PDB file of all heavy atoms in Angstrom:
ATOM      1  N   VAL A   1      -7.529  -1.578   5.066  1.00  0.00           N
ATOM      2  CA  VAL A   1      -6.704  -1.442   3.856  1.00  0.00           C
ATOM      3  C   VAL A   1      -7.424  -0.293   3.069  1.00  0.00           C
ATOM      4  O   VAL A   1      -8.621  -0.408   2.770  1.00  0.00           O
ATOM      5  CB  VAL A   1      -6.728  -2.721   3.094  1.00  0.00           C
ATOM      6  CG1 VAL A   1      -5.937  -2.502   1.783  1.00  0.00           C
ATOM      7  CG2 VAL A   1      -6.085  -3.830   3.857  1.00  0.00           C
ATOM      8  N   THR A   2      -6.675   0.732   2.696  1.00  0.00           N
ATOM      9  CA  THR A   2      -7.274   1.878   2.004  1.00  0.00           C
ATOM     10  C   THR A   2      -6.642   2.102   0.657  1.00  0.00           C
ATOM     11  O   THR A   2      -7.266   2.874  -0.102  1.00  0.00           O
ATOM     12  CB  THR A   2      -7.234   3.127   2.867  1.00  0.00           C
ATOM     13  OG1 THR A   2      -5.831   3.414   3.182  1.00  0.00           O
ATOM     14  CG2 THR A   2      -8.007   3.048   4.140  1.00  0.00           C
ATOM     15  N   ASP A   3      -5.494   1.614   0.361  1.00  0.00           N
ATOM     16  CA  ASP A   3      -4.889   1.869  -0.906  1.00  0.00           C
ATOM     17  C   ASP A   3      -3.997   0.685  -1.284  1.00  0.00           C
ATOM     18  O   ASP A   3      -2.833   0.665  -0.825  1.00  0.00           O
ATOM     19  CB  ASP A   3      -4.136   3.165  -0.884  1.00  0.00           C
ATOM     20  CG  ASP A   3      -3.630   3.577  -2.265  1.00  0.00           C
ATOM     21  OD1 ASP A   3      -4.190   3.172  -3.295  1.00  0.00           O
ATOM     22  OD2 ASP A   3      -2.605   4.336  -2.316  1.00  0.00           O
ATOM     23  N   LEU A   4      -4.501  -0.156  -2.182  1.00  0.00           N
ATOM     24  CA  LEU A   4      -3.673  -1.297  -2.556  1.00  0.00           C
ATOM     25  C   LEU A   4      -4.083  -1.657  -3.950  1.00  0.00           C
ATOM     26  O   LEU A   4      -5.237  -1.817  -4.331  1.00  0.00           O
ATOM     27  CB  LEU A   4      -4.007  -2.487  -1.595  1.00  0.00           C
ATOM     28  CG  LEU A   4      -3.169  -3.783  -1.807  1.00  0.00           C
ATOM     29  CD1 LEU A   4      -1.711  -3.482  -1.485  1.00  0.00           C
ATOM     30  CD2 LEU A   4      -3.712  -4.877  -0.874  1.00  0.00           C
ATOM     31  N   GLY A   5      -3.061  -1.770  -4.794  1.00  0.00           N
ATOM     32  CA  GLY A   5      -3.300  -2.100  -6.167  1.00  0.00           C
ATOM     33  C   GLY A   5      -3.454  -3.574  -6.371  1.00  0.00           C
ATOM     34  O   GLY A   5      -3.187  -4.348  -5.471  1.00  0.00           O
ATOM     35  N   PRO A   6      -3.982  -4.002  -7.503  1.00  0.00           N
ATOM     36  CA  PRO A   6      -4.133  -5.411  -7.759  1.00  0.00           C
ATOM     37  C   PRO A   6      -2.869  -6.162  -7.780  1.00  0.00           C
ATOM     38  O   PRO A   6      -1.846  -5.604  -8.134  1.00  0.00           O
ATOM     39  CB  PRO A   6      -4.862  -5.455  -9.125  1.00  0.00           C
ATOM     40  CG  PRO A   6      -4.491  -4.185  -9.783  1.00  0.00           C
ATOM     41  CD  PRO A   6      -4.332  -3.218  -8.724  1.00  0.00           C
ATOM     42  N   PRO A   7      -2.901  -7.415  -7.396  1.00  0.00           N
ATOM     43  CA  PRO A   7      -1.660  -8.234  -7.478  1.00  0.00           C
ATOM     44  C   PRO A   7      -1.132  -8.328  -8.889  1.00  0.00           C
ATOM     45  O   PRO A   7      -1.930  -8.294  -9.866  1.00  0.00           O
ATOM     46  CB  PRO A   7      -2.113  -9.660  -7.043  1.00  0.00           C
ATOM     47  CG  PRO A   7      -3.402  -9.403  -6.288  1.00  0.00           C
ATOM     48  CD  PRO A   7      -4.034  -8.231  -6.866  1.00  0.00           C
ATOM     49  N   GLN A   8       0.180  -8.408  -9.060  1.00  0.00           N
ATOM     50  CA  GLN A   8       0.803  -8.499 -10.386  1.00  0.00           C
ATOM     51  C   GLN A   8       0.361  -9.687 -11.199  1.00  0.00           C
ATOM     52  O   GLN A   8       0.306  -9.617 -12.380  1.00  0.00           O
ATOM     53  CB  GLN A   8       2.323  -8.423 -10.258  1.00  0.00           C
ATOM     54  CG  GLN A   8       2.890  -7.156  -9.686  1.00  0.00           C
ATOM     55  CD  GLN A   8       2.642  -6.015 -10.606  1.00  0.00           C
ATOM     56  OE1 GLN A   8       2.795  -6.072 -11.831  1.00  0.00           O
ATOM     57  NE2 GLN A   8       2.259  -4.878 -10.110  1.00  0.00           N
ATOM     58  N   TRP A   9       0.064 -10.766 -10.553  1.00  0.00           N
ATOM     59  CA  TRP A   9      -0.295 -12.025 -11.224  1.00  0.00           C
ATOM     60  C   TRP A   9      -1.715 -12.014 -11.740  1.00  0.00           C
ATOM     61  O   TRP A   9      -2.131 -12.856 -12.488  1.00  0.00           O
ATOM     62  CB  TRP A   9      -0.069 -13.171 -10.350  1.00  0.00           C
ATOM     63  CG  TRP A   9      -0.799 -13.074  -8.991  1.00  0.00           C
ATOM     64  CD1 TRP A   9      -0.270 -12.670  -7.842  1.00  0.00           C
ATOM     65  CD2 TRP A   9      -2.191 -13.361  -8.712  1.00  0.00           C
ATOM     66  NE1 TRP A   9      -1.197 -12.636  -6.858  1.00  0.00           N
ATOM     67  CE2 TRP A   9      -2.401 -13.075  -7.361  1.00  0.00           C
ATOM     68  CE3 TRP A   9      -3.263 -13.864  -9.539  1.00  0.00           C
ATOM     69  CZ2 TRP A   9      -3.634 -13.262  -6.744  1.00  0.00           C
ATOM     70  CZ3 TRP A   9      -4.480 -13.999  -8.917  1.00  0.00           C
ATOM     71  CH2 TRP A   9      -4.690 -13.737  -7.595  1.00  0.00           C
ATOM     72  N   MET A  10      -2.542 -11.018 -11.305  1.00  0.00           N
ATOM     73  CA  MET A  10      -3.948 -11.063 -11.674  1.00  0.00           C
ATOM     74  C   MET A  10      -4.230 -10.710 -13.109  1.00  0.00           C
ATOM     75  O   MET A  10      -3.629  -9.823 -13.626  1.00  0.00           O
ATOM     76  CB  MET A  10      -4.662  -9.997 -10.692  1.00  0.00           C
ATOM     77  CG  MET A  10      -6.134 -10.151 -10.818  1.00  0.00           C
ATOM     78  SD  MET A  10      -6.962  -9.085  -9.497  1.00  0.00           S
ATOM     79  CE  MET A  10      -6.990 -10.181  -8.106  1.00  0.00           C
ATOM     80  N   PRO A  11      -5.055 -11.518 -13.802  1.00  0.00           N
ATOM     81  CA  PRO A  11      -5.392 -11.266 -15.188  1.00  0.00           C
ATOM     82  C   PRO A  11      -5.962  -9.872 -15.342  1.00  0.00           C
ATOM     83  O   PRO A  11      -6.569  -9.271 -14.393  1.00  0.00           O
ATOM     84  CB  PRO A  11      -6.402 -12.330 -15.543  1.00  0.00           C
ATOM     85  CG  PRO A  11      -6.210 -13.421 -14.546  1.00  0.00           C
ATOM     86  CD  PRO A  11      -5.729 -12.708 -13.287  1.00  0.00           C
ATOM     87  N   GLU A  12      -5.910  -9.316 -16.590  1.00  0.00           N
ATOM     88  CA  GLU A  12      -6.281  -7.922 -16.805  1.00  0.00           C
ATOM     89  C   GLU A  12      -7.742  -7.599 -16.452  1.00  0.00           C
ATOM     90  O   GLU A  12      -8.011  -6.569 -15.845  1.00  0.00           O
ATOM     91  CB  GLU A  12      -6.049  -7.602 -18.313  1.00  0.00           C
ATOM     92  CG  GLU A  12      -6.361  -6.155 -18.668  1.00  0.00           C
ATOM     93  CD  GLU A  12      -6.184  -5.836 -20.147  1.00  0.00           C
ATOM     94  OE1 GLU A  12      -5.506  -6.633 -20.840  1.00  0.00           O
ATOM     95  OE2 GLU A  12      -6.584  -4.729 -20.542  1.00  0.00           O
ATOM     96  N   ASP A  13      -8.661  -8.460 -16.880  1.00  0.00           N
ATOM     97  CA  ASP A  13     -10.040  -8.183 -16.531  1.00  0.00           C
ATOM     98  C   ASP A  13     -10.346  -8.180 -15.027  1.00  0.00           C
ATOM     99  O   ASP A  13     -11.075  -7.316 -14.531  1.00  0.00           O
ATOM    100  CB  ASP A  13     -11.041  -9.242 -17.205  1.00  0.00           C
ATOM    101  CG  ASP A  13     -11.152  -9.050 -18.742  1.00  0.00           C
ATOM    102  OD1 ASP A  13     -10.952  -7.890 -19.214  1.00  0.00           O
ATOM    103  OD2 ASP A  13     -11.366 -10.077 -19.430  1.00  0.00           O
ATOM    104  N   ALA A  14      -9.706  -9.032 -14.317  1.00  0.00           N
ATOM    105  CA  ALA A  14      -9.837  -9.102 -12.900  1.00  0.00           C
ATOM    106  C   ALA A  14      -9.198  -7.912 -12.228  1.00  0.00           C
ATOM    107  O   ALA A  14      -9.748  -7.324 -11.319  1.00  0.00           O
ATOM    108  CB  ALA A  14      -9.196 -10.419 -12.305  1.00  0.00           C
ATOM    109  N   ALA A  15      -7.988  -7.495 -12.696  1.00  0.00           N
ATOM    110  CA  ALA A  15      -7.303  -6.321 -12.189  1.00  0.00           C
ATOM    111  C   ALA A  15      -8.174  -5.015 -12.463  1.00  0.00           C
ATOM    112  O   ALA A  15      -8.184  -4.172 -11.557  1.00  0.00           O
ATOM    113  CB  ALA A  15      -5.977  -6.201 -12.852  1.00  0.00           C
ATOM    114  N   GLN A  16      -8.864  -4.975 -13.549  1.00  0.00           N
ATOM    115  CA  GLN A  16      -9.770  -3.768 -13.812  1.00  0.00           C
ATOM    116  C   GLN A  16     -10.873  -3.735 -12.810  1.00  0.00           C
ATOM    117  O   GLN A  16     -11.236  -2.647 -12.335  1.00  0.00           O
ATOM    118  CB  GLN A  16     -10.297  -3.916 -15.220  1.00  0.00           C
ATOM    119  CG  GLN A  16      -9.246  -3.579 -16.290  1.00  0.00           C
ATOM    120  CD  GLN A  16      -9.845  -3.769 -17.641  1.00  0.00           C
ATOM    121  OE1 GLN A  16     -10.909  -4.255 -17.877  1.00  0.00           O
ATOM    122  NE2 GLN A  16      -9.064  -3.330 -18.636  1.00  0.00           N
ATOM    123  N   GLU A  17     -11.424  -4.901 -12.424  1.00  0.00           N
ATOM    124  CA  GLU A  17     -12.473  -4.926 -11.413  1.00  0.00           C
ATOM    125  C   GLU A  17     -11.927  -4.495 -10.025  1.00  0.00           C
ATOM    126  O   GLU A  17     -12.556  -3.767  -9.341  1.00  0.00           O
ATOM    127  CB  GLU A  17     -13.170  -6.272 -11.329  1.00  0.00           C
ATOM    128  CG  GLU A  17     -14.265  -6.364 -10.370  1.00  0.00           C
ATOM    129  CD  GLU A  17     -15.458  -5.537 -10.763  1.00  0.00           C
ATOM    130  OE1 GLU A  17     -15.593  -4.986 -11.874  1.00  0.00           O
ATOM    131  OE2 GLU A  17     -16.415  -5.441  -9.993  1.00  0.00           O
ATOM    132  N   TRP A  18     -10.705  -4.967  -9.769  1.00  0.00           N
ATOM    133  CA  TRP A  18     -10.084  -4.573  -8.446  1.00  0.00           C
ATOM    134  C   TRP A  18      -9.975  -3.062  -8.425  1.00  0.00           C
ATOM    135  O   TRP A  18     -10.291  -2.428  -7.449  1.00  0.00           O
ATOM    136  CB  TRP A  18      -8.721  -5.248  -8.398  1.00  0.00           C
ATOM    137  CG  TRP A  18      -7.887  -4.879  -7.204  1.00  0.00           C
ATOM    138  CD1 TRP A  18      -7.325  -3.650  -6.861  1.00  0.00           C
ATOM    139  CD2 TRP A  18      -7.490  -5.775  -6.093  1.00  0.00           C
ATOM    140  NE1 TRP A  18      -6.634  -3.725  -5.655  1.00  0.00           N
ATOM    141  CE2 TRP A  18      -6.745  -5.100  -5.196  1.00  0.00           C
ATOM    142  CE3 TRP A  18      -7.710  -7.125  -5.936  1.00  0.00           C
ATOM    143  CZ2 TRP A  18      -6.281  -5.610  -4.056  1.00  0.00           C
ATOM    144  CZ3 TRP A  18      -7.220  -7.690  -4.750  1.00  0.00           C
ATOM    145  CH2 TRP A  18      -6.462  -6.915  -3.824  1.00  0.00           C
ATOM    146  N   GLU A  19      -9.472  -2.445  -9.485  1.00  0.00           N
ATOM    147  CA  GLU A  19      -9.332  -1.009  -9.523  1.00  0.00           C
ATOM    148  C   GLU A  19     -10.654  -0.254  -9.484  1.00  0.00           C
ATOM    149  O   GLU A  19     -10.671   0.878  -8.977  1.00  0.00           O
ATOM    150  CB  GLU A  19      -8.462  -0.626 -10.765  1.00  0.00           C
ATOM    151  CG  GLU A  19      -7.070  -1.098 -10.656  1.00  0.00           C
ATOM    152  CD  GLU A  19      -6.253  -0.877 -11.945  1.00  0.00           C
ATOM    153  OE1 GLU A  19      -6.854  -0.500 -13.015  1.00  0.00           O
ATOM    154  OE2 GLU A  19      -5.026  -1.169 -11.937  1.00  0.00           O
ATOM    155  N   ARG A  20     -11.717  -0.912  -9.904  1.00  0.00           N
ATOM    156  CA  ARG A  20     -13.068  -0.322  -9.809  1.00  0.00           C
ATOM    157  C   ARG A  20     -13.580  -0.349  -8.390  1.00  0.00           C
ATOM    158  O   ARG A  20     -14.177   0.640  -7.924  1.00  0.00           O
ATOM    159  CB  ARG A  20     -13.994  -1.007 -10.794  1.00  0.00           C
ATOM    160  CG  ARG A  20     -15.372  -0.348 -10.878  1.00  0.00           C
ATOM    161  CD  ARG A  20     -16.331  -1.139 -11.774  1.00  0.00           C
ATOM    162  NE  ARG A  20     -16.775  -2.294 -11.092  1.00  0.00           N
ATOM    163  CZ  ARG A  20     -17.789  -2.319 -10.156  1.00  0.00           C
ATOM    164  NH1 ARG A  20     -18.389  -1.179  -9.840  1.00  0.00           N
ATOM    165  NH2 ARG A  20     -18.224  -3.425  -9.598  1.00  0.00           N
ATOM    166  N   VAL A  21     -13.498  -1.494  -7.731  1.00  0.00           N
ATOM    167  CA  VAL A  21     -14.051  -1.634  -6.368  1.00  0.00           C
ATOM    168  C   VAL A  21     -13.275  -1.224  -5.193  1.00  0.00           C
ATOM    169  O   VAL A  21     -13.808  -0.885  -4.165  1.00  0.00           O
ATOM    170  CB  VAL A  21     -14.689  -3.094  -6.171  1.00  0.00           C
ATOM    171  CG1 VAL A  21     -15.689  -3.317  -7.222  1.00  0.00           C
ATOM    172  CG2 VAL A  21     -13.569  -4.085  -6.133  1.00  0.00           C
ATOM    173  N   MET A  22     -11.925  -1.270  -5.371  1.00  0.00           N
ATOM    174  CA  MET A  22     -11.060  -0.893  -4.268  1.00  0.00           C
ATOM    175  C   MET A  22     -11.311   0.480  -3.694  1.00  0.00           C
ATOM    176  O   MET A  22     -11.393   0.638  -2.443  1.00  0.00           O
ATOM    177  CB  MET A  22      -9.592  -1.065  -4.655  1.00  0.00           C
ATOM    178  CG  MET A  22      -8.637  -0.866  -3.488  1.00  0.00           C
ATOM    179  SD  MET A  22      -9.060  -1.889  -2.053  1.00  0.00           S
ATOM    180  CE  MET A  22      -7.466  -2.393  -1.534  1.00  0.00           C
ATOM    181  N   PRO A  23     -11.511   1.528  -4.505  1.00  0.00           N
ATOM    182  CA  PRO A  23     -11.797   2.854  -3.908  1.00  0.00           C
ATOM    183  C   PRO A  23     -13.118   2.836  -3.074  1.00  0.00           C
ATOM    184  O   PRO A  23     -13.267   3.508  -2.111  1.00  0.00           O
ATOM    185  CB  PRO A  23     -11.880   3.731  -5.136  1.00  0.00           C
ATOM    186  CG  PRO A  23     -11.134   3.077  -6.210  1.00  0.00           C
ATOM    187  CD  PRO A  23     -11.272   1.614  -5.944  1.00  0.00           C
ATOM    188  N   ILE A  24     -14.071   2.057  -3.582  1.00  0.00           N
ATOM    189  CA  ILE A  24     -15.383   1.948  -2.843  1.00  0.00           C
ATOM    190  C   ILE A  24     -15.161   1.320  -1.480  1.00  0.00           C
ATOM    191  O   ILE A  24     -15.656   1.864  -0.512  1.00  0.00           O
ATOM    192  CB  ILE A  24     -16.385   1.099  -3.711  1.00  0.00           C
ATOM    193  CG1 ILE A  24     -16.716   1.735  -5.034  1.00  0.00           C
ATOM    194  CG2 ILE A  24     -17.653   0.838  -2.911  1.00  0.00           C
ATOM    195  CD1 ILE A  24     -17.414   0.903  -6.057  1.00  0.00           C
ATOM    196  N   LEU A  25     -14.420   0.237  -1.465  1.00  0.00           N
ATOM    197  CA  LEU A  25     -14.205  -0.491  -0.204  1.00  0.00           C
ATOM    198  C   LEU A  25     -13.271   0.367   0.692  1.00  0.00           C
ATOM    199  O   LEU A  25     -13.453   0.372   2.004  1.00  0.00           O
ATOM    200  CB  LEU A  25     -13.618  -1.821  -0.450  1.00  0.00           C
ATOM    201  CG  LEU A  25     -14.475  -2.756  -1.230  1.00  0.00           C
ATOM    202  CD1 LEU A  25     -13.732  -4.034  -1.632  1.00  0.00           C
ATOM    203  CD2 LEU A  25     -15.698  -3.121  -0.424  1.00  0.00           C
ATOM    204  N   ALA A  26     -12.329   1.087   0.102  1.00  0.00           N
ATOM    205  CA  ALA A  26     -11.431   1.878   0.904  1.00  0.00           C
ATOM    206  C   ALA A  26     -12.154   3.062   1.619  1.00  0.00           C
ATOM    207  O   ALA A  26     -11.928   3.347   2.789  1.00  0.00           O
ATOM    208  CB  ALA A  26     -10.306   2.414   0.046  1.00  0.00           C
ATOM    209  N   GLU A  27     -13.115   3.630   0.858  1.00  0.00           N
ATOM    210  CA  GLU A  27     -13.952   4.728   1.440  1.00  0.00           C
ATOM    211  C   GLU A  27     -14.757   4.256   2.616  1.00  0.00           C
ATOM    212  O   GLU A  27     -14.928   4.933   3.597  1.00  0.00           O
ATOM    213  CB  GLU A  27     -14.819   5.300   0.357  1.00  0.00           C
ATOM    214  CG  GLU A  27     -15.655   6.477   0.771  1.00  0.00           C
ATOM    215  CD  GLU A  27     -16.553   7.010  -0.218  1.00  0.00           C
ATOM    216  OE1 GLU A  27     -16.119   6.924  -1.469  1.00  0.00           O
ATOM    217  OE2 GLU A  27     -17.652   7.454   0.062  1.00  0.00           O
ATOM    218  N   ARG A  28     -15.241   3.047   2.592  1.00  0.00           N
ATOM    219  CA  ARG A  28     -16.086   2.526   3.611  1.00  0.00           C
ATOM    220  C   ARG A  28     -15.286   2.014   4.820  1.00  0.00           C
ATOM    221  O   ARG A  28     -15.808   1.747   5.883  1.00  0.00           O
ATOM    222  CB  ARG A  28     -16.871   1.336   3.091  1.00  0.00           C
ATOM    223  CG  ARG A  28     -17.954   1.769   2.043  1.00  0.00           C
ATOM    224  CD  ARG A  28     -18.714   0.617   1.618  1.00  0.00           C
ATOM    225  NE  ARG A  28     -19.531   0.906   0.474  1.00  0.00           N
ATOM    226  CZ  ARG A  28     -20.030   0.071  -0.391  1.00  0.00           C
ATOM    227  NH1 ARG A  28     -19.803  -1.208  -0.236  1.00  0.00           N
ATOM    228  NH2 ARG A  28     -20.757   0.453  -1.408  1.00  0.00           N
ATOM    229  N   ARG A  29     -13.979   1.801   4.614  1.00  0.00           N
ATOM    230  CA  ARG A  29     -13.060   1.415   5.670  1.00  0.00           C
ATOM    231  C   ARG A  29     -13.511   0.106   6.326  1.00  0.00           C
ATOM    232  O   ARG A  29     -13.552  -0.006   7.536  1.00  0.00           O
ATOM    233  CB  ARG A  29     -12.862   2.476   6.705  1.00  0.00           C
ATOM    234  CG  ARG A  29     -12.240   3.746   6.088  1.00  0.00           C
ATOM    235  CD  ARG A  29     -11.733   4.718   7.082  1.00  0.00           C
ATOM    236  NE  ARG A  29     -10.732   4.175   7.973  1.00  0.00           N
ATOM    237  CZ  ARG A  29      -9.419   4.107   7.660  1.00  0.00           C
ATOM    238  NH1 ARG A  29      -8.947   4.525   6.543  1.00  0.00           N
ATOM    239  NH2 ARG A  29      -8.506   3.574   8.532  1.00  0.00           N
ATOM    240  N   ILE A  30     -13.842  -0.912   5.525  1.00  0.00           N
ATOM    241  CA  ILE A  30     -14.304  -2.162   6.069  1.00  0.00           C
ATOM    242  C   ILE A  30     -13.420  -3.350   5.612  1.00  0.00           C
ATOM    243  O   ILE A  30     -13.556  -4.426   6.121  1.00  0.00           O
ATOM    244  CB  ILE A  30     -15.740  -2.491   5.686  1.00  0.00           C
ATOM    245  CG1 ILE A  30     -15.915  -2.537   4.184  1.00  0.00           C
ATOM    246  CG2 ILE A  30     -16.661  -1.494   6.325  1.00  0.00           C
ATOM    247  CD1 ILE A  30     -17.244  -3.043   3.702  1.00  0.00           C
ATOM    248  N   LEU A  31     -12.442  -3.070   4.738  1.00  0.00           N
ATOM    249  CA  LEU A  31     -11.642  -4.108   4.194  1.00  0.00           C
ATOM    250  C   LEU A  31     -10.323  -4.305   5.056  1.00  0.00           C
ATOM    251  O   LEU A  31      -9.514  -3.409   5.088  1.00  0.00           O
ATOM    252  CB  LEU A  31     -11.242  -3.782   2.766  1.00  0.00           C
ATOM    253  CG  LEU A  31     -10.555  -4.844   1.928  1.00  0.00           C
ATOM    254  CD1 LEU A  31     -11.589  -6.052   1.682  1.00  0.00           C
ATOM    255  CD2 LEU A  31     -10.173  -4.324   0.595  1.00  0.00           C
ATOM    256  N   SER A  32     -10.166  -5.412   5.657  1.00  0.00           N
ATOM    257  CA  SER A  32      -9.047  -5.715   6.426  1.00  0.00           C
ATOM    258  C   SER A  32      -8.096  -6.601   5.563  1.00  0.00           C
ATOM    259  O   SER A  32      -8.464  -7.178   4.532  1.00  0.00           O
ATOM    260  CB  SER A  32      -9.300  -6.383   7.741  1.00  0.00           C
ATOM    261  OG  SER A  32      -9.762  -7.706   7.508  1.00  0.00           O
ATOM    262  N   VAL A  33      -6.857  -6.844   6.022  1.00  0.00           N
ATOM    263  CA  VAL A  33      -5.961  -7.703   5.414  1.00  0.00           C
ATOM    264  C   VAL A  33      -6.558  -9.133   5.270  1.00  0.00           C
ATOM    265  O   VAL A  33      -6.318  -9.770   4.268  1.00  0.00           O
ATOM    266  CB  VAL A  33      -4.597  -7.755   6.172  1.00  0.00           C
ATOM    267  CG1 VAL A  33      -3.613  -8.783   5.626  1.00  0.00           C
ATOM    268  CG2 VAL A  33      -3.933  -6.361   6.112  1.00  0.00           C
ATOM    269  N   ALA A  34      -7.307  -9.521   6.269  1.00  0.00           N
ATOM    270  CA  ALA A  34      -7.956 -10.831   6.283  1.00  0.00           C
ATOM    271  C   ALA A  34      -8.945 -10.981   5.132  1.00  0.00           C
ATOM    272  O   ALA A  34      -9.299 -12.099   4.702  1.00  0.00           O
ATOM    273  CB  ALA A  34      -8.526 -11.133   7.667  1.00  0.00           C
ATOM    274  N   ASP A  35      -9.476  -9.894   4.648  1.00  0.00           N
ATOM    275  CA  ASP A  35     -10.507  -9.918   3.605  1.00  0.00           C
ATOM    276  C   ASP A  35      -9.957  -9.819   2.178  1.00  0.00           C
ATOM    277  O   ASP A  35     -10.701  -9.996   1.242  1.00  0.00           O
ATOM    278  CB  ASP A  35     -11.428  -8.683   3.774  1.00  0.00           C
ATOM    279  CG  ASP A  35     -12.086  -8.639   5.070  1.00  0.00           C
ATOM    280  OD1 ASP A  35     -12.489  -9.683   5.587  1.00  0.00           O
ATOM    281  OD2 ASP A  35     -12.180  -7.514   5.676  1.00  0.00           O
ATOM    282  N   LEU A  36      -8.654  -9.761   2.036  1.00  0.00           N
ATOM    283  CA  LEU A  36      -8.047  -9.596   0.770  1.00  0.00           C
ATOM    284  C   LEU A  36      -8.323 -10.844  -0.162  1.00  0.00           C
ATOM    285  O   LEU A  36      -8.468 -10.728  -1.318  1.00  0.00           O
ATOM    286  CB  LEU A  36      -6.578  -9.279   0.826  1.00  0.00           C
ATOM    287  CG  LEU A  36      -6.211  -7.883   1.336  1.00  0.00           C
ATOM    288  CD1 LEU A  36      -4.760  -7.641   1.496  1.00  0.00           C
ATOM    289  CD2 LEU A  36      -6.898  -6.810   0.483  1.00  0.00           C
ATOM    290  N   GLY A  37      -8.286 -12.042   0.466  1.00  0.00           N
ATOM    291  CA  GLY A  37      -8.563 -13.294  -0.273  1.00  0.00           C
ATOM    292  C   GLY A  37      -9.970 -13.221  -0.899  1.00  0.00           C
ATOM    293  O   GLY A  37     -10.090 -13.616  -2.089  1.00  0.00           O
ATOM    294  N   SER A  38     -10.960 -12.708  -0.195  1.00  0.00           N
ATOM    295  CA  SER A  38     -12.260 -12.633  -0.702  1.00  0.00           C
ATOM    296  C   SER A  38     -12.303 -11.601  -1.891  1.00  0.00           C
ATOM    297  O   SER A  38     -12.998 -11.853  -2.865  1.00  0.00           O
ATOM    298  CB  SER A  38     -13.304 -12.177   0.380  1.00  0.00           C
ATOM    299  OG  SER A  38     -13.439 -13.185   1.364  1.00  0.00           O
ATOM    300  N   LEU A  39     -11.640 -10.493  -1.729  1.00  0.00           N
ATOM    301  CA  LEU A  39     -11.560  -9.524  -2.788  1.00  0.00           C
ATOM    302  C   LEU A  39     -10.871 -10.132  -4.001  1.00  0.00           C
ATOM    303  O   LEU A  39     -11.361  -9.914  -5.160  1.00  0.00           O
ATOM    304  CB  LEU A  39     -10.892  -8.231  -2.315  1.00  0.00           C
ATOM    305  CG  LEU A  39     -10.686  -7.139  -3.411  1.00  0.00           C
ATOM    306  CD1 LEU A  39     -12.035  -6.697  -3.955  1.00  0.00           C
ATOM    307  CD2 LEU A  39      -9.908  -5.995  -2.811  1.00  0.00           C
TER     308      LEU A  39
END
């Protein structure tokens, strides 16, 4: 998974963290669909 925004239901503080770390994980290309729950 390389480009995915935070879920709509996610609270604002959590969504901000998603937006901060998602580019890091996307660059490393280690995040699969199965890992989205952990994220």
